[in-house]
Amino acid sequence: TLDRLVCGGRLSRPMADLLRIAVRSRLNVRVVGPERSGKTALLAAIARDADDVRSVTLARHRSFRWTSASKVELVVAPGAPFA
């Protein structure tokens, strides 16, 4: 969860609050970074915190196994341009 990321020192409280507001306001949030920077953990925390707010992720590989119909994962085909 976002709270666990804050407690672990991985995310500041103001940034966690900003992400909550953005998601609940249905704003688009783009998470970008190098490999092993915590993108998947952050996206999973945002999705858990958002409950039934619709979430769509786009990735080169399957990262999540969503249990809610409001969560959708799009996987880019191998060799296809990501942009």
PDB file of N, CA and C in Angstrom:
ATOM      1  N   THR A   1       0.840  -1.187   0.000  1.00  0.00           N
ATOM      2  CA  THR A   1       0.000   0.000   0.000  1.00  0.00           C
ATOM      3  C   THR A   1       0.887   1.252   0.000  1.00  0.00           C
ATOM      4  N   LEU A   2       0.279   2.367  -0.273  1.00  0.00           N
ATOM      5  CA  LEU A   2       1.036   3.623  -0.230  1.00  0.00           C
ATOM      6  C   LEU A   2       1.567   3.885   1.181  1.00  0.00           C
ATOM      7  N   ASP A   3       0.767   3.531   2.184  1.00  0.00           N
ATOM      8  CA  ASP A   3       1.210   3.741   3.569  1.00  0.00           C
ATOM      9  C   ASP A   3       2.449   2.913   3.895  1.00  0.00           C
ATOM     10  N   ARG A   4       2.515   1.693   3.387  1.00  0.00           N
ATOM     11  CA  ARG A   4       3.699   0.858   3.621  1.00  0.00           C
ATOM     12  C   ARG A   4       4.923   1.445   2.929  1.00  0.00           C
ATOM     13  N   LEU A   5       4.737   2.017   1.740  1.00  0.00           N
ATOM     14  CA  LEU A   5       5.866   2.656   1.054  1.00  0.00           C
ATOM     15  C   LEU A   5       6.358   3.873   1.840  1.00  0.00           C
ATOM     16  N   VAL A   6       5.423   4.611   2.441  1.00  0.00           N
ATOM     17  CA  VAL A   6       5.803   5.770   3.253  1.00  0.00           C
ATOM     18  C   VAL A   6       6.546   5.302   4.502  1.00  0.00           C
ATOM     19  N   CYS A   7       6.016   4.294   5.184  1.00  0.00           N
ATOM     20  CA  CYS A   7       6.656   3.781   6.402  1.00  0.00           C
ATOM     21  C   CYS A   7       8.041   3.207   6.108  1.00  0.00           C
ATOM     22  N   GLY A   8       8.216   2.633   4.924  1.00  0.00           N
ATOM     23  CA  GLY A   8       9.502   2.075   4.542  1.00  0.00           C
ATOM     24  C   GLY A   8      10.486   3.100   4.015  1.00  0.00           C
ATOM     25  N   GLY A   9      10.075   4.360   3.953  1.00  0.00           N
ATOM     26  CA  GLY A   9      10.963   5.415   3.485  1.00  0.00           C
ATOM     27  C   GLY A   9      11.137   5.453   1.973  1.00  0.00           C
ATOM     28  N   ARG A  10      10.282   4.757   1.245  1.00  0.00           N
ATOM     29  CA  ARG A  10      10.378   4.714  -0.216  1.00  0.00           C
ATOM     30  C   ARG A  10       9.602   5.834  -0.887  1.00  0.00           C
ATOM     31  N   LEU A  11       8.693   6.465  -0.138  1.00  0.00           N
ATOM     32  CA  LEU A  11       7.810   7.495  -0.679  1.00  0.00           C
ATOM     33  C   LEU A  11       7.524   8.492   0.424  1.00  0.00           C
ATOM     34  N   SER A  12       7.501   9.765   0.086  1.00  0.00           N
ATOM     35  CA  SER A  12       7.201  10.776   1.101  1.00  0.00           C
ATOM     36  C   SER A  12       5.686  10.859   1.316  1.00  0.00           C
ATOM     37  N   ARG A  13       5.286  11.281   2.492  1.00  0.00           N
ATOM     38  CA  ARG A  13       3.861  11.415   2.813  1.00  0.00           C
ATOM     39  C   ARG A  13       3.180  12.399   1.857  1.00  0.00           C
ATOM     40  N   PRO A  14       3.779  13.586   1.575  1.00  0.00           N
ATOM     41  CA  PRO A  14       3.120  14.500   0.635  1.00  0.00           C
ATOM     42  C   PRO A  14       2.925  13.885  -0.754  1.00  0.00           C
ATOM     43  N   MET A  15       3.885  13.092  -1.227  1.00  0.00           N
ATOM     44  CA  MET A  15       3.744  12.474  -2.551  1.00  0.00           C
ATOM     45  C   MET A  15       2.658  11.404  -2.519  1.00  0.00           C
ATOM     46  N   ALA A  16       2.580  10.643  -1.445  1.00  0.00           N
ATOM     47  CA  ALA A  16       1.512   9.637  -1.322  1.00  0.00           C
ATOM     48  C   ALA A  16       0.143  10.316  -1.330  1.00  0.00           C
ATOM     49  N   ASP A  17       0.024  11.415  -0.609  1.00  0.00           N
ATOM     50  CA  ASP A  17      -1.240  12.157  -0.588  1.00  0.00           C
ATOM     51  C   ASP A  17      -1.577  12.711  -1.972  1.00  0.00           C
ATOM     52  N   LEU A  18      -0.572  13.230  -2.669  1.00  0.00           N
ATOM     53  CA  LEU A  18      -0.786  13.752  -4.021  1.00  0.00           C
ATOM     54  C   LEU A  18      -1.250  12.641  -4.967  1.00  0.00           C
ATOM     55  N   LEU A  19      -0.639  11.470  -4.885  1.00  0.00           N
ATOM     56  CA  LEU A  19      -1.053  10.345  -5.729  1.00  0.00           C
ATOM     57  C   LEU A  19      -2.489   9.922  -5.424  1.00  0.00           C
ATOM     58  N   ARG A  20      -2.852   9.884  -4.150  1.00  0.00           N
ATOM     59  CA  ARG A  20      -4.238   9.540  -3.771  1.00  0.00           C
ATOM     60  C   ARG A  20      -5.228  10.532  -4.372  1.00  0.00           C
ATOM     61  N   ILE A  21      -4.921  11.812  -4.249  1.00  0.00           N
ATOM     62  CA  ILE A  21      -5.802  12.851  -4.792  1.00  0.00           C
ATOM     63  C   ILE A  21      -5.916  12.721  -6.299  1.00  0.00           C
ATOM     64  N   ALA A  22      -4.791  12.503  -6.973  1.00  0.00           N
ATOM     65  CA  ALA A  22      -4.787  12.384  -8.435  1.00  0.00           C
ATOM     66  C   ALA A  22      -5.633  11.204  -8.893  1.00  0.00           C
ATOM     67  N   VAL A  23      -5.458  10.060  -8.252  1.00  0.00           N
ATOM     68  CA  VAL A  23      -6.205   8.860  -8.646  1.00  0.00           C
ATOM     69  C   VAL A  23      -7.688   9.036  -8.361  1.00  0.00           C
ATOM     70  N   ARG A  24      -8.026   9.540  -7.199  1.00  0.00           N
ATOM     71  CA  ARG A  24      -9.442   9.720  -6.848  1.00  0.00           C
ATOM     72  C   ARG A  24     -10.100  10.808  -7.687  1.00  0.00           C
ATOM     73  N   SER A  25      -9.285  11.709  -8.235  1.00  0.00           N
ATOM     74  CA  SER A  25      -9.814  12.746  -9.122  1.00  0.00           C
ATOM     75  C   SER A  25      -9.840  12.279 -10.573  1.00  0.00           C
ATOM     76  N   ARG A  26      -9.471  11.030 -10.780  1.00  0.00           N
ATOM     77  CA  ARG A  26      -9.460  10.401 -12.103  1.00  0.00           C
ATOM     78  C   ARG A  26      -8.489  11.067 -13.076  1.00  0.00           C
ATOM     79  N   LEU A  27      -7.395  11.571 -12.538  1.00  0.00           N
ATOM     80  CA  LEU A  27      -6.346  12.122 -13.381  1.00  0.00           C
ATOM     81  C   LEU A  27      -5.458  10.983 -13.879  1.00  0.00           C
ATOM     82  N   ASN A  28      -4.837  11.167 -15.024  1.00  0.00           N
ATOM     83  CA  ASN A  28      -3.886  10.189 -15.526  1.00  0.00           C
ATOM     84  C   ASN A  28      -2.589  10.319 -14.737  1.00  0.00           C
ATOM     85  N   VAL A  29      -2.028   9.189 -14.360  1.00  0.00           N
ATOM     86  CA  VAL A  29      -0.758   9.162 -13.646  1.00  0.00           C
ATOM     87  C   VAL A  29       0.189   8.285 -14.446  1.00  0.00           C
ATOM     88  N   ARG A  30       1.327   8.816 -14.791  1.00  0.00           N
ATOM     89  CA  ARG A  30       2.312   8.063 -15.557  1.00  0.00           C
ATOM     90  C   ARG A  30       3.494   7.759 -14.642  1.00  0.00           C
ATOM     91  N   VAL A  31       3.836   6.489 -14.550  1.00  0.00           N
ATOM     92  CA  VAL A  31       4.955   6.053 -13.716  1.00  0.00           C
ATOM     93  C   VAL A  31       6.050   5.542 -14.648  1.00  0.00           C
ATOM     94  N   VAL A  32       7.181   6.219 -14.638  1.00  0.00           N
ATOM     95  CA  VAL A  32       8.282   5.901 -15.549  1.00  0.00           C
ATOM     96  C   VAL A  32       9.576   5.867 -14.748  1.00  0.00           C
ATOM     97  N   GLY A  33      10.470   4.948 -15.106  1.00  0.00           N
ATOM     98  CA  GLY A  33      11.764   4.895 -14.446  1.00  0.00           C
ATOM     99  C   GLY A  33      12.579   3.731 -14.951  1.00  0.00           C
ATOM    100  N   PRO A  34      13.825   3.678 -14.545  1.00  0.00           N
ATOM    101  CA  PRO A  34      14.687   2.585 -14.992  1.00  0.00           C
ATOM    102  C   PRO A  34      14.292   1.259 -14.332  1.00  0.00           C
ATOM    103  N   GLU A  35      14.850   0.175 -14.848  1.00  0.00           N
ATOM    104  CA  GLU A  35      14.585  -1.134 -14.273  1.00  0.00           C
ATOM    105  C   GLU A  35      14.957  -1.143 -12.789  1.00  0.00           C
ATOM    106  N   ARG A  36      14.169  -1.882 -12.011  1.00  0.00           N
ATOM    107  CA  ARG A  36      14.408  -2.082 -10.579  1.00  0.00           C
ATOM    108  C   ARG A  36      14.319  -0.798  -9.755  1.00  0.00           C
ATOM    109  N   SER A  37      13.576   0.192 -10.260  1.00  0.00           N
ATOM    110  CA  SER A  37      13.435   1.444  -9.516  1.00  0.00           C
ATOM    111  C   SER A  37      12.183   1.467  -8.645  1.00  0.00           C
ATOM    112  N   GLY A  38      11.324   0.430  -8.758  1.00  0.00           N
ATOM    113  CA  GLY A  38      10.137   0.355  -7.916  1.00  0.00           C
ATOM    114  C   GLY A  38       8.844   0.739  -8.611  1.00  0.00           C
ATOM    115  N   LYS A  39       8.839   0.778  -9.926  1.00  0.00           N
ATOM    116  CA  LYS A  39       7.623   1.157 -10.668  1.00  0.00           C
ATOM    117  C   LYS A  39       6.473   0.188 -10.390  1.00  0.00           C
ATOM    118  N   THR A  40       6.770  -1.104 -10.444  1.00  0.00           N
ATOM    119  CA  THR A  40       5.725  -2.108 -10.229  1.00  0.00           C
ATOM    120  C   THR A  40       5.168  -2.024  -8.815  1.00  0.00           C
ATOM    121  N   ALA A  41       6.030  -1.856  -7.838  1.00  0.00           N
ATOM    122  CA  ALA A  41       5.580  -1.736  -6.447  1.00  0.00           C
ATOM    123  C   ALA A  41       4.707  -0.494  -6.261  1.00  0.00           C
ATOM    124  N   LEU A  42       5.107   0.607  -6.880  1.00  0.00           N
ATOM    125  CA  LEU A  42       4.319   1.835  -6.772  1.00  0.00           C
ATOM    126  C   LEU A  42       2.960   1.674  -7.442  1.00  0.00           C
ATOM    127  N   LEU A  43       2.929   1.107  -8.638  1.00  0.00           N
ATOM    128  CA  LEU A  43       1.652   0.894  -9.331  1.00  0.00           C
ATOM    129  C   LEU A  43       0.740  -0.030  -8.540  1.00  0.00           C
ATOM    130  N   ALA A  44       1.296  -1.089  -7.984  1.00  0.00           N
ATOM    131  CA  ALA A  44       0.492  -2.013  -7.181  1.00  0.00           C
ATOM    132  C   ALA A  44      -0.068  -1.314  -5.944  1.00  0.00           C
ATOM    133  N   ALA A  45       0.744  -0.475  -5.313  1.00  0.00           N
ATOM    134  CA  ALA A  45       0.281   0.264  -4.134  1.00  0.00           C
ATOM    135  C   ALA A  45      -0.834   1.245  -4.494  1.00  0.00           C
ATOM    136  N   ILE A  46      -0.671   1.935  -5.621  1.00  0.00           N
ATOM    137  CA  ILE A  46      -1.714   2.865  -6.064  1.00  0.00           C
ATOM    138  C   ILE A  46      -3.001   2.110  -6.347  1.00  0.00           C
ATOM    139  N   ALA A  47      -2.904   0.980  -7.026  1.00  0.00           N
ATOM    140  CA  ALA A  47      -4.097   0.198  -7.363  1.00  0.00           C
ATOM    141  C   ALA A  47      -4.785  -0.339  -6.110  1.00  0.00           C
ATOM    142  N   ARG A  48      -4.007  -0.809  -5.138  1.00  0.00           N
ATOM    143  CA  ARG A  48      -4.609  -1.309  -3.885  1.00  0.00           C
ATOM    144  C   ARG A  48      -5.305  -0.182  -3.138  1.00  0.00           C
ATOM    145  N   ASP A  49      -4.683   0.975  -3.139  1.00  0.00           N
ATOM    146  CA  ASP A  49      -5.232   2.122  -2.428  1.00  0.00           C
ATOM    147  C   ASP A  49      -6.490   2.650  -3.108  1.00  0.00           C
ATOM    148  N   ALA A  50      -6.585   2.462  -4.423  1.00  0.00           N
ATOM    149  CA  ALA A  50      -7.684   3.030  -5.202  1.00  0.00           C
ATOM    150  C   ALA A  50      -8.951   2.185  -5.169  1.00  0.00           C
ATOM    151  N   ASP A  51      -8.906   1.002  -4.574  1.00  0.00           N
ATOM    152  CA  ASP A  51     -10.058   0.102  -4.501  1.00  0.00           C
ATOM    153  C   ASP A  51     -10.652  -0.144  -5.882  1.00  0.00           C
ATOM    154  N   ASP A  52     -11.869   0.347  -6.132  1.00  0.00           N
ATOM    155  CA  ASP A  52     -12.557   0.051  -7.380  1.00  0.00           C
ATOM    156  C   ASP A  52     -12.439   1.142  -8.439  1.00  0.00           C
ATOM    157  N   VAL A  53     -11.495   2.060  -8.268  1.00  0.00           N
ATOM    158  CA  VAL A  53     -11.245   3.055  -9.306  1.00  0.00           C
ATOM    159  C   VAL A  53     -10.605   2.338 -10.484  1.00  0.00           C
ATOM    160  N   ARG A  54     -11.040   2.639 -11.687  1.00  0.00           N
ATOM    161  CA  ARG A  54     -10.519   1.960 -12.864  1.00  0.00           C
ATOM    162  C   ARG A  54      -9.035   2.276 -13.048  1.00  0.00           C
ATOM    163  N   SER A  55      -8.241   1.232 -13.230  1.00  0.00           N
ATOM    164  CA  SER A  55      -6.806   1.365 -13.449  1.00  0.00           C
ATOM    165  C   SER A  55      -6.424   0.620 -14.717  1.00  0.00           C
ATOM    166  N   VAL A  56      -5.611   1.253 -15.547  1.00  0.00           N
ATOM    167  CA  VAL A  56      -5.107   0.612 -16.760  1.00  0.00           C
ATOM    168  C   VAL A  56      -3.597   0.731 -16.737  1.00  0.00           C
ATOM    169  N   THR A  57      -2.898  -0.400 -16.883  1.00  0.00           N
ATOM    170  CA  THR A  57      -1.447  -0.385 -16.964  1.00  0.00           C
ATOM    171  C   THR A  57      -1.019  -0.862 -18.347  1.00  0.00           C
ATOM    172  N   LEU A  58       0.084  -0.333 -18.813  1.00  0.00           N
ATOM    173  CA  LEU A  58       0.664  -0.702 -20.103  1.00  0.00           C
ATOM    174  C   LEU A  58       2.117  -1.057 -19.848  1.00  0.00           C
ATOM    175  N   ALA A  59       2.511  -2.269 -20.224  1.00  0.00           N
ATOM    176  CA  ALA A  59       3.874  -2.721 -19.955  1.00  0.00           C
ATOM    177  C   ALA A  59       4.347  -3.674 -21.038  1.00  0.00           C
ATOM    178  N   ARG A  60       5.639  -3.897 -21.070  1.00  0.00           N
ATOM    179  CA  ARG A  60       6.215  -4.845 -22.024  1.00  0.00           C
ATOM    180  C   ARG A  60       6.037  -6.285 -21.562  1.00  0.00           C
ATOM    181  N   HIS A  61       5.765  -6.488 -20.301  1.00  0.00           N
ATOM    182  CA  HIS A  61       5.589  -7.836 -19.765  1.00  0.00           C
ATOM    183  C   HIS A  61       4.457  -7.812 -18.746  1.00  0.00           C
ATOM    184  N   ARG A  62       3.899  -8.944 -18.465  1.00  0.00           N
ATOM    185  CA  ARG A  62       2.797  -9.025 -17.512  1.00  0.00           C
ATOM    186  C   ARG A  62       3.355  -8.918 -16.098  1.00  0.00           C
ATOM    187  N   SER A  63       2.925  -7.910 -15.364  1.00  0.00           N
ATOM    188  CA  SER A  63       3.427  -7.677 -14.007  1.00  0.00           C
ATOM    189  C   SER A  63       2.403  -7.975 -12.931  1.00  0.00           C
ATOM    190  N   PHE A  64       1.129  -7.859 -13.278  1.00  0.00           N
ATOM    191  CA  PHE A  64       0.084  -7.950 -12.271  1.00  0.00           C
ATOM    192  C   PHE A  64      -0.880  -9.084 -12.580  1.00  0.00           C
ATOM    193  N   ARG A  65      -1.565  -9.519 -11.580  1.00  0.00           N
ATOM    194  CA  ARG A  65      -2.677 -10.454 -11.717  1.00  0.00           C
ATOM    195  C   ARG A  65      -3.841  -9.812 -10.959  1.00  0.00           C
ATOM    196  N   TRP A  66      -4.474  -8.845 -11.609  1.00  0.00           N
ATOM    197  CA  TRP A  66      -5.535  -8.092 -10.949  1.00  0.00           C
ATOM    198  C   TRP A  66      -6.695  -9.010 -10.571  1.00  0.00           C
ATOM    199  N   THR A  67      -7.272  -8.785  -9.423  1.00  0.00           N
ATOM    200  CA  THR A  67      -8.419  -9.565  -8.968  1.00  0.00           C
ATOM    201  C   THR A  67      -9.729  -8.812  -9.147  1.00  0.00           C
ATOM    202  N   SER A  68      -9.655  -7.585  -9.605  1.00  0.00           N
ATOM    203  CA  SER A  68     -10.839  -6.748  -9.770  1.00  0.00           C
ATOM    204  C   SER A  68     -11.085  -6.457 -11.245  1.00  0.00           C
ATOM    205  N   ALA A  69     -12.341  -6.451 -11.640  1.00  0.00           N
ATOM    206  CA  ALA A  69     -12.685  -6.146 -13.035  1.00  0.00           C
ATOM    207  C   ALA A  69     -12.373  -4.700 -13.395  1.00  0.00           C
ATOM    208  N   SER A  70     -12.175  -3.838 -12.393  1.00  0.00           N
ATOM    209  CA  SER A  70     -11.874  -2.428 -12.669  1.00  0.00           C
ATOM    210  C   SER A  70     -10.394  -2.211 -12.989  1.00  0.00           C
ATOM    211  N   LYS A  71      -9.589  -3.267 -12.895  1.00  0.00           N
ATOM    212  CA  LYS A  71      -8.158  -3.179 -13.182  1.00  0.00           C
ATOM    213  C   LYS A  71      -7.881  -3.887 -14.503  1.00  0.00           C
ATOM    214  N   VAL A  72      -7.216  -3.204 -15.430  1.00  0.00           N
ATOM    215  CA  VAL A  72      -6.926  -3.745 -16.758  1.00  0.00           C
ATOM    216  C   VAL A  72      -5.434  -3.620 -17.025  1.00  0.00           C
ATOM    217  N   GLU A  73      -4.847  -4.677 -17.580  1.00  0.00           N
ATOM    218  CA  GLU A  73      -3.435  -4.643 -17.931  1.00  0.00           C
ATOM    219  C   GLU A  73      -3.279  -4.903 -19.418  1.00  0.00           C
ATOM    220  N   LEU A  74      -2.631  -3.981 -20.114  1.00  0.00           N
ATOM    221  CA  LEU A  74      -2.346  -4.132 -21.531  1.00  0.00           C
ATOM    222  C   LEU A  74      -0.871  -4.476 -21.667  1.00  0.00           C
ATOM    223  N   VAL A  75      -0.575  -5.534 -22.420  1.00  0.00           N
ATOM    224  CA  VAL A  75       0.804  -5.973 -22.600  1.00  0.00           C
ATOM    225  C   VAL A  75       1.206  -5.738 -24.049  1.00  0.00           C
ATOM    226  N   VAL A  76       2.321  -5.065 -24.257  1.00  0.00           N
ATOM    227  CA  VAL A  76       2.823  -4.758 -25.588  1.00  0.00           C
ATOM    228  C   VAL A  76       3.425  -6.031 -26.180  1.00  0.00           C
ATOM    229  N   ALA A  77       3.064  -6.320 -27.424  1.00  0.00           N
ATOM    230  CA  ALA A  77       3.585  -7.509 -28.099  1.00  0.00           C
ATOM    231  C   ALA A  77       5.084  -7.389 -28.315  1.00  0.00           C
ATOM    232  N   PRO A  78       5.826  -8.518 -28.235  1.00  0.00           N
ATOM    233  CA  PRO A  78       7.279  -8.479 -28.465  1.00  0.00           C
ATOM    234  C   PRO A  78       7.576  -7.884 -29.844  1.00  0.00           C
ATOM    235  N   GLY A  79       8.533  -6.998 -29.883  1.00  0.00           N
ATOM    236  CA  GLY A  79       8.928  -6.359 -31.135  1.00  0.00           C
ATOM    237  C   GLY A  79       8.090  -5.161 -31.538  1.00  0.00           C
ATOM    238  N   ALA A  80       6.968  -4.952 -30.880  1.00  0.00           N
ATOM    239  CA  ALA A  80       6.105  -3.810 -31.210  1.00  0.00           C
ATOM    240  C   ALA A  80       6.662  -2.554 -30.561  1.00  0.00           C
ATOM    241  N   PRO A  81       6.549  -1.405 -31.238  1.00  0.00           N
ATOM    242  CA  PRO A  81       7.015  -0.153 -30.620  1.00  0.00           C
ATOM    243  C   PRO A  81       6.156   0.185 -29.395  1.00  0.00           C
ATOM    244  N   PHE A  82       6.811   0.536 -28.322  1.00  0.00           N
ATOM    245  CA  PHE A  82       6.110   0.825 -27.063  1.00  0.00           C
ATOM    246  C   PHE A  82       5.337   2.144 -27.141  1.00  0.00           C
ATOM    247  N   ALA A  83       5.865   3.106 -27.880  1.00  0.00           N
ATOM    248  CA  ALA A  83       5.234   4.422 -27.964  1.00  0.00           C
ATOM    249  C   ALA A  83       3.869   4.309 -28.597  1.00  0.00           C
TER     250      ALA A  83
END
